């Protein structure tokens, strides 16, 4: 079970967080919190409090995050794995984007990625901070700093 909670801040705003209750594999109850970093103007804990217009977008986002966490928790609770999206290769995806709309900078980036990766296949899901740092270091050796910055945007 996941509930949306509100914590008052000194500024008069309220910080939103998720109060998560779940059972472990040995059937013990656990509780955890996930602070969302989303601030609203009122405490909407009660269903009687009407959501202000200026908070409506934030509250929609909070509810969407809560619903996703609830779905993830239910999948895990019943022993199911979340269905994974098919993994795309990084270069295939970028080339597909290039065919939809030509972009010279993207074309050059693809050329440098081909040189950097060689014959290795690389999935989008494998792109992490260490890969990006290593690729940026490679670019700094072969192109100018400004060009590297443009490619990494």
N, C-alpha and C. Protein backbone atom coordinates (compact mmCIF):
# COMPACT_ATOMS: atom_id res chain seq x y z
N UNK A 1 0.85 -1.16 0.00
CA UNK A 1 0.00 0.00 0.00
C UNK A 1 0.90 1.24 0.00
N UNK A 2 0.55 2.19 -0.82
CA UNK A 2 1.32 3.41 -0.94
C UNK A 2 0.39 4.60 -0.76
N UNK A 3 0.77 5.48 0.18
CA UNK A 3 -0.02 6.69 0.43
C UNK A 3 0.83 7.91 0.14
N UNK A 4 0.18 8.93 -0.38
CA UNK A 4 0.84 10.21 -0.60
C UNK A 4 0.73 11.01 0.70
N UNK A 5 1.86 11.51 1.18
CA UNK A 5 1.89 12.29 2.41
C UNK A 5 2.49 13.67 2.11
N UNK A 6 2.28 14.58 3.02
CA UNK A 6 2.75 15.94 2.86
C UNK A 6 3.48 16.38 4.12
N UNK A 7 4.65 16.98 3.93
CA UNK A 7 5.45 17.47 5.05
C UNK A 7 5.55 18.98 4.94
N UNK A 8 5.17 19.71 6.01
CA UNK A 8 5.25 21.17 5.93
C UNK A 8 6.70 21.64 5.89
N UNK A 9 6.93 22.66 5.11
CA UNK A 9 8.26 23.27 4.99
C UNK A 9 8.24 24.65 5.64
N UNK A 10 9.41 25.18 5.96
CA UNK A 10 9.51 26.51 6.57
C UNK A 10 8.95 27.59 5.66
N UNK A 11 9.01 27.36 4.37
CA UNK A 11 8.54 28.36 3.41
C UNK A 11 7.02 28.45 3.35
N UNK A 12 6.33 27.54 4.04
CA UNK A 12 4.87 27.52 3.99
C UNK A 12 4.34 26.54 2.95
N UNK A 13 5.22 26.03 2.12
CA UNK A 13 4.84 25.03 1.12
C UNK A 13 4.84 23.65 1.80
N UNK A 14 4.43 22.63 1.05
CA UNK A 14 4.43 21.26 1.55
C UNK A 14 5.21 20.38 0.59
N UNK A 15 6.09 19.58 1.13
CA UNK A 15 6.87 18.63 0.34
C UNK A 15 6.06 17.34 0.25
N UNK A 16 5.99 16.75 -0.93
CA UNK A 16 5.24 15.50 -1.10
C UNK A 16 6.19 14.31 -1.00
N UNK A 17 5.69 13.25 -0.40
CA UNK A 17 6.46 12.01 -0.34
C UNK A 17 5.52 10.82 -0.33
N UNK A 18 6.08 9.67 -0.67
CA UNK A 18 5.31 8.43 -0.68
C UNK A 18 5.63 7.65 0.59
N UNK A 19 4.60 7.20 1.27
CA UNK A 19 4.71 6.36 2.46
C UNK A 19 4.38 4.95 1.98
N UNK A 20 5.39 4.08 1.91
CA UNK A 20 5.25 2.78 1.27
C UNK A 20 5.26 1.67 2.32
N UNK A 21 4.19 0.88 2.36
CA UNK A 21 4.10 -0.29 3.23
C UNK A 21 4.14 -1.53 2.35
N UNK A 22 4.95 -2.51 2.73
CA UNK A 22 5.00 -3.75 1.95
C UNK A 22 5.44 -4.90 2.84
N UNK A 23 5.22 -6.11 2.34
CA UNK A 23 5.62 -7.33 3.05
C UNK A 23 6.87 -7.88 2.41
N UNK A 24 7.81 -8.33 3.24
CA UNK A 24 9.03 -8.94 2.73
C UNK A 24 8.77 -10.40 2.43
N UNK A 25 9.77 -11.09 1.90
CA UNK A 25 9.60 -12.50 1.54
C UNK A 25 9.33 -13.37 2.78
N UNK A 26 9.81 -12.95 3.95
CA UNK A 26 9.54 -13.70 5.18
C UNK A 26 8.28 -13.20 5.89
N UNK A 27 7.42 -12.49 5.15
CA UNK A 27 6.10 -12.03 5.58
C UNK A 27 6.15 -11.01 6.72
N UNK A 28 7.22 -10.25 6.81
CA UNK A 28 7.31 -9.16 7.78
C UNK A 28 6.93 -7.86 7.09
N UNK A 29 6.24 -7.01 7.82
CA UNK A 29 5.85 -5.71 7.25
C UNK A 29 7.02 -4.74 7.30
N UNK A 30 7.19 -4.02 6.22
CA UNK A 30 8.25 -3.00 6.12
C UNK A 30 7.62 -1.69 5.70
N UNK A 31 8.31 -0.62 6.02
CA UNK A 31 7.83 0.70 5.67
C UNK A 31 9.02 1.51 5.16
N UNK A 32 8.80 2.23 4.07
CA UNK A 32 9.86 3.10 3.55
C UNK A 32 9.22 4.38 3.02
N UNK A 33 10.07 5.36 2.79
CA UNK A 33 9.61 6.66 2.31
C UNK A 33 10.37 7.02 1.05
N UNK A 34 9.68 7.70 0.15
CA UNK A 34 10.33 8.21 -1.05
C UNK A 34 9.91 9.67 -1.22
N UNK A 35 10.84 10.58 -0.95
CA UNK A 35 10.55 11.99 -1.13
C UNK A 35 10.65 12.32 -2.62
N UNK A 36 9.65 12.99 -3.13
CA UNK A 36 9.53 13.22 -4.56
C UNK A 36 10.15 14.53 -5.03
N UNK A 37 10.40 15.45 -4.11
CA UNK A 37 10.97 16.74 -4.50
C UNK A 37 9.95 17.63 -5.21
N UNK A 38 8.68 17.34 -5.00
CA UNK A 38 7.61 18.13 -5.60
C UNK A 38 6.92 18.89 -4.48
N UNK A 39 6.79 20.21 -4.63
CA UNK A 39 6.20 21.04 -3.58
C UNK A 39 4.84 21.56 -4.02
N UNK A 40 3.92 21.60 -3.06
CA UNK A 40 2.58 22.12 -3.31
C UNK A 40 2.24 23.16 -2.24
N UNK A 41 1.14 23.89 -2.43
CA UNK A 41 0.78 24.98 -1.54
C UNK A 41 -0.08 24.54 -0.36
N UNK A 42 -0.72 23.36 -0.43
CA UNK A 42 -1.60 22.89 0.64
C UNK A 42 -1.30 21.44 0.97
N UNK A 43 -1.80 21.01 2.13
CA UNK A 43 -1.75 19.61 2.52
C UNK A 43 -3.04 18.97 1.98
N UNK A 44 -2.89 18.10 1.00
CA UNK A 44 -4.05 17.47 0.36
C UNK A 44 -4.30 16.06 0.89
N UNK A 45 -3.96 15.81 2.14
CA UNK A 45 -4.15 14.48 2.73
C UNK A 45 -5.62 14.10 2.80
N UNK A 46 -6.45 15.05 3.13
CA UNK A 46 -7.88 14.80 3.23
C UNK A 46 -8.52 14.89 1.84
N UNK A 47 -9.45 14.01 1.59
CA UNK A 47 -10.14 14.04 0.30
C UNK A 47 -11.10 15.22 0.20
N UNK A 48 -11.36 15.89 1.31
CA UNK A 48 -12.26 17.04 1.32
C UNK A 48 -11.59 18.32 0.83
N UNK A 49 -10.26 18.33 0.85
CA UNK A 49 -9.52 19.53 0.44
C UNK A 49 -9.47 19.55 -1.08
N UNK A 50 -9.94 20.66 -1.63
CA UNK A 50 -9.96 20.81 -3.09
C UNK A 50 -8.57 21.24 -3.57
N UNK A 51 -8.13 20.62 -4.66
CA UNK A 51 -6.81 20.92 -5.21
C UNK A 51 -6.85 22.27 -5.92
N UNK A 52 -5.91 23.13 -5.53
CA UNK A 52 -5.82 24.46 -6.13
C UNK A 52 -5.34 24.34 -7.58
N UNK A 53 -5.73 25.30 -8.41
CA UNK A 53 -5.33 25.29 -9.81
C UNK A 53 -3.82 25.28 -9.98
N UNK A 54 -3.11 26.07 -9.14
CA UNK A 54 -1.66 26.14 -9.28
C UNK A 54 -0.96 24.86 -8.83
N UNK A 55 -1.66 23.97 -8.13
CA UNK A 55 -1.08 22.69 -7.70
C UNK A 55 -1.57 21.51 -8.52
N UNK A 56 -2.50 21.73 -9.44
CA UNK A 56 -3.12 20.60 -10.14
C UNK A 56 -2.12 19.78 -10.95
N UNK A 57 -1.20 20.45 -11.68
CA UNK A 57 -0.21 19.71 -12.48
C UNK A 57 0.72 18.91 -11.58
N UNK A 58 1.18 19.52 -10.48
CA UNK A 58 2.05 18.81 -9.55
C UNK A 58 1.35 17.61 -8.93
N UNK A 59 0.07 17.77 -8.58
CA UNK A 59 -0.66 16.66 -7.96
C UNK A 59 -0.92 15.54 -8.98
N UNK A 60 -1.12 15.88 -10.25
CA UNK A 60 -1.25 14.85 -11.27
C UNK A 60 0.05 14.05 -11.39
N UNK A 61 1.17 14.75 -11.33
CA UNK A 61 2.47 14.09 -11.39
C UNK A 61 2.69 13.20 -10.17
N UNK A 62 2.35 13.69 -8.99
CA UNK A 62 2.48 12.91 -7.76
C UNK A 62 1.64 11.64 -7.85
N UNK A 63 0.40 11.76 -8.32
CA UNK A 63 -0.48 10.58 -8.44
C UNK A 63 0.06 9.60 -9.48
N UNK A 64 0.61 10.10 -10.56
CA UNK A 64 1.17 9.21 -11.58
C UNK A 64 2.36 8.43 -11.02
N UNK A 65 3.22 9.11 -10.26
CA UNK A 65 4.36 8.42 -9.65
C UNK A 65 3.87 7.39 -8.65
N UNK A 66 2.88 7.76 -7.82
CA UNK A 66 2.32 6.83 -6.84
C UNK A 66 1.73 5.60 -7.52
N UNK A 67 0.99 5.81 -8.60
CA UNK A 67 0.38 4.68 -9.31
C UNK A 67 1.44 3.76 -9.91
N UNK A 68 2.52 4.34 -10.43
CA UNK A 68 3.59 3.52 -10.99
C UNK A 68 4.25 2.69 -9.90
N UNK A 69 4.54 3.31 -8.75
CA UNK A 69 5.16 2.57 -7.64
C UNK A 69 4.23 1.46 -7.15
N UNK A 70 2.94 1.74 -7.10
CA UNK A 70 1.96 0.73 -6.67
C UNK A 70 1.96 -0.45 -7.64
N UNK A 71 2.00 -0.17 -8.93
CA UNK A 71 2.04 -1.23 -9.94
C UNK A 71 3.31 -2.06 -9.80
N UNK A 72 4.45 -1.39 -9.64
CA UNK A 72 5.72 -2.09 -9.46
C UNK A 72 5.67 -2.99 -8.22
N UNK A 73 5.11 -2.46 -7.14
CA UNK A 73 5.01 -3.22 -5.89
C UNK A 73 4.11 -4.44 -6.07
N UNK A 74 3.01 -4.28 -6.78
CA UNK A 74 2.10 -5.41 -7.02
C UNK A 74 2.73 -6.47 -7.89
N UNK A 75 3.50 -6.06 -8.90
CA UNK A 75 4.21 -7.03 -9.74
C UNK A 75 5.16 -7.85 -8.88
N UNK A 76 5.94 -7.18 -8.05
CA UNK A 76 6.93 -7.87 -7.21
C UNK A 76 6.24 -8.75 -6.18
N UNK A 77 5.14 -8.28 -5.63
CA UNK A 77 4.41 -9.02 -4.58
C UNK A 77 3.90 -10.36 -5.09
N UNK A 78 3.49 -10.40 -6.33
CA UNK A 78 2.95 -11.63 -6.90
C UNK A 78 3.98 -12.43 -7.69
N UNK A 79 5.23 -12.03 -7.59
CA UNK A 79 6.31 -12.80 -8.21
C UNK A 79 6.50 -12.58 -9.69
N UNK A 80 5.90 -11.55 -10.22
CA UNK A 80 6.05 -11.26 -11.65
C UNK A 80 7.16 -10.26 -11.86
N UNK A 81 7.78 -10.37 -13.00
CA UNK A 81 8.74 -9.35 -13.39
C UNK A 81 8.01 -8.35 -14.27
N UNK A 82 8.40 -7.10 -14.13
CA UNK A 82 7.80 -6.08 -14.98
C UNK A 82 8.13 -6.38 -16.43
N UNK A 83 7.17 -6.20 -17.32
CA UNK A 83 7.49 -6.41 -18.73
C UNK A 83 8.49 -5.36 -19.19
N UNK A 84 9.53 -5.83 -19.82
CA UNK A 84 10.57 -4.91 -20.29
C UNK A 84 10.26 -4.44 -21.69
N UNK A 85 10.61 -3.21 -21.93
CA UNK A 85 10.49 -2.70 -23.29
C UNK A 85 11.62 -3.32 -24.11
N UNK A 86 11.38 -3.54 -25.37
CA UNK A 86 12.45 -4.12 -26.17
C UNK A 86 13.67 -3.20 -26.19
N UNK A 87 14.83 -3.80 -26.07
CA UNK A 87 16.05 -3.01 -26.05
C UNK A 87 16.48 -2.68 -27.47
N UNK A 88 16.78 -1.44 -27.69
CA UNK A 88 17.24 -0.98 -28.99
C UNK A 88 18.73 -0.74 -28.94
N UNK A 89 19.37 -0.99 -30.06
CA UNK A 89 20.78 -0.66 -30.14
C UNK A 89 20.90 0.84 -30.32
N UNK A 90 21.89 1.41 -29.66
CA UNK A 90 22.08 2.86 -29.66
C UNK A 90 22.23 3.41 -31.06
N UNK A 91 23.12 2.82 -31.84
CA UNK A 91 23.38 3.33 -33.19
C UNK A 91 22.16 3.17 -34.10
N UNK A 92 21.46 2.04 -33.98
CA UNK A 92 20.25 1.84 -34.79
C UNK A 92 19.21 2.91 -34.50
N UNK A 93 19.04 3.20 -33.21
CA UNK A 93 18.06 4.21 -32.81
C UNK A 93 18.44 5.59 -33.35
N UNK A 94 19.71 5.97 -33.20
CA UNK A 94 20.15 7.28 -33.68
C UNK A 94 20.02 7.40 -35.19
N UNK A 95 20.35 6.31 -35.91
CA UNK A 95 20.21 6.34 -37.38
C UNK A 95 18.75 6.43 -37.79
N UNK A 96 17.87 5.79 -37.02
CA UNK A 96 16.44 5.89 -37.31
C UNK A 96 15.96 7.33 -37.10
N UNK A 97 16.44 7.97 -36.05
CA UNK A 97 16.10 9.38 -35.81
C UNK A 97 16.60 10.25 -36.96
N UNK A 98 17.77 9.93 -37.47
CA UNK A 98 18.36 10.70 -38.56
C UNK A 98 17.54 10.57 -39.84
N UNK A 99 16.96 9.37 -40.08
CA UNK A 99 16.15 9.20 -41.29
C UNK A 99 14.84 9.98 -41.19
N UNK A 100 14.33 10.15 -39.98
CA UNK A 100 13.08 10.90 -39.81
C UNK A 100 13.29 12.39 -40.05
N UNK A 101 14.41 12.90 -39.54
CA UNK A 101 14.71 14.32 -39.73
C UNK A 101 16.22 14.48 -39.76
N UNK A 102 16.73 15.01 -40.86
CA UNK A 102 18.17 15.15 -41.00
C UNK A 102 18.69 16.22 -40.05
N UNK A 103 19.81 15.89 -39.42
CA UNK A 103 20.48 16.82 -38.51
C UNK A 103 21.98 16.57 -38.66
N UNK A 104 22.70 17.57 -39.13
CA UNK A 104 24.13 17.40 -39.39
C UNK A 104 24.91 17.01 -38.14
N UNK A 105 24.58 17.65 -37.02
CA UNK A 105 25.27 17.35 -35.77
C UNK A 105 25.06 15.89 -35.37
N UNK A 106 23.83 15.39 -35.54
CA UNK A 106 23.53 14.00 -35.21
C UNK A 106 24.28 13.06 -36.14
N UNK A 107 24.36 13.42 -37.43
CA UNK A 107 25.11 12.60 -38.38
C UNK A 107 26.58 12.48 -37.96
N UNK A 108 27.18 13.59 -37.55
CA UNK A 108 28.58 13.57 -37.11
C UNK A 108 28.74 12.77 -35.82
N UNK A 109 27.78 12.91 -34.93
CA UNK A 109 27.82 12.14 -33.68
C UNK A 109 27.79 10.64 -33.97
N UNK A 110 26.95 10.23 -34.90
CA UNK A 110 26.85 8.81 -35.27
C UNK A 110 28.18 8.32 -35.84
N UNK A 111 28.82 9.12 -36.66
CA UNK A 111 30.12 8.75 -37.24
C UNK A 111 31.14 8.53 -36.12
N UNK A 112 31.18 9.44 -35.15
CA UNK A 112 32.13 9.30 -34.04
C UNK A 112 31.78 8.11 -33.14
N UNK A 113 30.49 7.86 -32.95
CA UNK A 113 30.10 6.68 -32.16
C UNK A 113 30.53 5.39 -32.86
N UNK A 114 30.38 5.34 -34.18
CA UNK A 114 30.84 4.16 -34.94
C UNK A 114 32.34 3.95 -34.73
N UNK A 115 33.11 5.03 -34.80
CA UNK A 115 34.55 4.92 -34.59
C UNK A 115 34.87 4.50 -33.17
N UNK A 116 34.15 5.04 -32.19
CA UNK A 116 34.41 4.76 -30.78
C UNK A 116 34.03 3.32 -30.42
N UNK A 117 32.86 2.88 -30.88
CA UNK A 117 32.38 1.54 -30.51
C UNK A 117 32.98 0.45 -31.37
N UNK A 118 33.40 0.78 -32.58
CA UNK A 118 33.92 -0.25 -33.48
C UNK A 118 32.80 -1.19 -33.89
N UNK A 119 33.05 -2.49 -33.78
CA UNK A 119 32.05 -3.50 -34.17
C UNK A 119 31.12 -3.88 -33.01
N UNK A 120 31.38 -3.34 -31.81
CA UNK A 120 30.57 -3.70 -30.64
C UNK A 120 29.15 -3.19 -30.79
N UNK A 121 28.20 -4.01 -30.36
CA UNK A 121 26.82 -3.53 -30.30
C UNK A 121 26.61 -2.96 -28.90
N UNK A 122 25.85 -1.90 -28.83
CA UNK A 122 25.66 -1.21 -27.56
C UNK A 122 24.19 -0.85 -27.44
N UNK A 123 23.51 -1.36 -26.39
CA UNK A 123 22.09 -1.10 -26.19
C UNK A 123 21.88 0.24 -25.50
N UNK A 124 20.75 0.86 -25.77
CA UNK A 124 20.42 2.14 -25.13
C UNK A 124 20.38 1.96 -23.62
N UNK A 125 19.88 0.83 -23.16
CA UNK A 125 19.77 0.60 -21.72
C UNK A 125 21.13 0.51 -21.04
N UNK A 126 22.20 0.30 -21.81
CA UNK A 126 23.55 0.21 -21.25
C UNK A 126 24.23 1.56 -21.14
N UNK A 127 23.60 2.60 -21.67
CA UNK A 127 24.20 3.94 -21.62
C UNK A 127 24.09 4.45 -20.19
N UNK A 128 25.23 4.54 -19.55
CA UNK A 128 25.30 5.03 -18.17
C UNK A 128 26.31 6.17 -18.12
N UNK A 129 26.45 6.74 -16.95
CA UNK A 129 27.33 7.91 -16.79
C UNK A 129 28.78 7.59 -17.15
N UNK A 130 29.27 6.39 -16.78
CA UNK A 130 30.66 6.05 -17.09
C UNK A 130 30.89 5.95 -18.59
N UNK A 131 29.92 5.42 -19.34
CA UNK A 131 30.04 5.37 -20.80
C UNK A 131 30.09 6.78 -21.38
N UNK A 132 29.19 7.65 -20.90
CA UNK A 132 29.16 9.02 -21.40
C UNK A 132 30.46 9.76 -21.10
N UNK A 133 31.01 9.55 -19.90
CA UNK A 133 32.28 10.20 -19.56
C UNK A 133 33.41 9.69 -20.45
N UNK A 134 33.46 8.38 -20.69
CA UNK A 134 34.51 7.81 -21.53
C UNK A 134 34.37 8.31 -22.98
N UNK A 135 33.14 8.37 -23.48
CA UNK A 135 32.92 8.86 -24.84
C UNK A 135 33.29 10.34 -24.94
N UNK A 136 32.96 11.12 -23.92
CA UNK A 136 33.32 12.53 -23.91
C UNK A 136 34.84 12.70 -23.92
N UNK A 137 35.55 11.88 -23.16
CA UNK A 137 37.02 11.94 -23.16
C UNK A 137 37.58 11.59 -24.53
N UNK A 138 36.97 10.60 -25.19
CA UNK A 138 37.37 10.23 -26.55
C UNK A 138 37.18 11.41 -27.49
N UNK A 139 36.01 12.04 -27.41
CA UNK A 139 35.72 13.17 -28.29
C UNK A 139 36.71 14.32 -28.08
N UNK A 140 37.09 14.55 -26.84
CA UNK A 140 38.03 15.64 -26.54
C UNK A 140 39.38 15.42 -27.24
N UNK A 141 39.69 14.15 -27.53
CA UNK A 141 40.95 13.85 -28.21
C UNK A 141 40.87 14.04 -29.72
N UNK A 142 39.66 13.93 -30.28
CA UNK A 142 39.54 13.94 -31.74
C UNK A 142 38.87 15.19 -32.30
N UNK A 143 38.13 15.94 -31.48
CA UNK A 143 37.49 17.17 -31.95
C UNK A 143 37.72 18.27 -30.91
N UNK A 144 37.32 19.47 -31.23
CA UNK A 144 37.53 20.58 -30.30
C UNK A 144 36.59 20.48 -29.10
N UNK A 145 36.89 21.29 -28.09
CA UNK A 145 36.08 21.30 -26.87
C UNK A 145 34.66 21.78 -27.17
N UNK A 146 34.52 22.78 -28.02
CA UNK A 146 33.19 23.28 -28.37
C UNK A 146 32.37 22.22 -29.11
N UNK A 147 33.00 21.51 -30.03
CA UNK A 147 32.30 20.46 -30.76
C UNK A 147 31.89 19.34 -29.82
N UNK A 148 32.78 18.96 -28.91
CA UNK A 148 32.45 17.94 -27.90
C UNK A 148 31.23 18.37 -27.10
N UNK A 149 31.24 19.61 -26.68
CA UNK A 149 30.11 20.12 -25.90
C UNK A 149 28.82 20.06 -26.73
N UNK A 150 28.89 20.42 -27.99
CA UNK A 150 27.71 20.39 -28.86
C UNK A 150 27.18 18.97 -29.03
N UNK A 151 28.08 17.99 -29.18
CA UNK A 151 27.66 16.60 -29.34
C UNK A 151 27.04 16.04 -28.07
N UNK A 152 27.53 16.48 -26.92
CA UNK A 152 27.09 15.90 -25.65
C UNK A 152 25.78 16.53 -25.14
N UNK A 153 25.29 17.55 -25.81
CA UNK A 153 24.03 18.17 -25.38
C UNK A 153 22.88 17.27 -25.59
